[in-house]
């Protein structure tokens, strides 16, 4: 798609004064008033419940594994209520790993049928300790439980939020807990509920961390498109009071990853001509682009064959002192491969080594395919062998193109070597095109038996012969004067309903001229 206008350089982002730092989050006593221990669900805390005190004593004073069995023998018949489990967790809040072991053990041993209050308790303890992964996993479990009990699950995240809200002050928790709830919703594919949670939190004067906001933007953009992603961005970051770049109370400022997420969504839709709007937003928030920002913009230009414009961005990146990474090199390299300028692509490849940037599998894939496109199979094969020595796994499409070009140039033995080499790699799944290229190559050389063996192997992989396969064998039988076999092939094609294509296959020279 043609770009509406050339991309202008980013403005210098070092001279304007930085915006004021965001105001601290409002005291949690406002949206989340203090609670006493009874907010966990019942009782007056450890001191008011002898059972809770005994469980805590056993867990903290006994160090052997037998303590779990001892607890089971004491409380197995009656078990613990969710409120009691929450109070035990509260008493263990300064030992989060022990609290987590207790929670999981009580669940596995059927000692407690946890509800949202006891889930909220352990999540608060883990969030305070910054044990993000464990906390987020338990939040997902809590959402699933609330969904099952609610009979639909649409309100499950809000119910979990209410449970976390209720016991927030009791556990002296951290705002991170609400970020983890939003992220758990996104991970479960509940994008709309995640957006609603963010809105509820913001109405209470709390804004999720910028990383969480970015995840919301990415999820909305993937599901509903770039424009919807931009609308969420505006809702989260474009301020209605205080002016652009001046955060209001409880607001979060966007960062470069925010704008990269917006650019990436435009790139997916082929709309990078709208990138000026994103650049304008970056300048308003005095946000400098990074290497990935330039990579996205260059990718859009290179895909349209506008390598000269991409080169301007490359030079701008260098002028700003931004060192290109492997992604940036690969992006620019693809542009040169696309227009057949393999000498320039090879220069970039050498430059990567000089700059200490390690090439990736993608680097080799793109170079190999680029050389195949200009019929330089010699360099393509050299790079392929180097790629394998470095233990990079080529894409199936790369192997397809290399084998096809080798067979087209009558280097069937080398094509077969590449094919057999990849077949020996665990997890490699050959494509039908690889078999077709090799079988046609064998038939052009008059090696019918080898072609038939490969066709039998191909059928064993579940690939049905098509008109190209029949045409290759028909041609060689016709050239050898074997009218009987050629006739049987034609009859078989008619019987199987294969579209007739029995004209002699083009020679390698003829194909190369196209």
Foldseek 3Di string as FASTA:
>chain_A
DDFPDFDDFFDDLPPDDAADDADDFPPLCQLFNADALCLLPHARACVGDVVLVVLLCLLPVDDDPCSLVVVCVVQVVPADEQSSLLRNLLVCLVPLVSNVVVVVSCVVSVRYDHALSSLLSSLQSCQQVVVLVVSLVSLLVNLVVQCVVVVHRLCSLVVSVVSNSSCVNVSVGDPVSLLSSLVSCVVVVNLVVSLVSQVVQVVSRAHDEQVSLLSSLLSCCVVPNLVRSVVSVCVQAVDPPDHQQHDDRNGYHHAQSSLLSSLQRCLVVLNCSPVVVSSVSCSSNSYDHAQSSLLSSLLSCLVVLNLVSNVVSVVSCVVVVHDHAQSSLLSSLLSCLVVLVLVVSVVSVVVCVVVVHDHALSSLLSSLLSCLVVLNLVVSVVSVVVCVVVVHDHDLVSLLSSLLSCLLVLVLVVNVVSVVVQVPDPPDDHDPSSLLSNLLSCLVVLNNVVSVVSVVVVVVSVDDDAQSNLQSVLQSCVVVVVVVVNVVSVVVCVVVVHPHDNDHDDHSVVVVVD
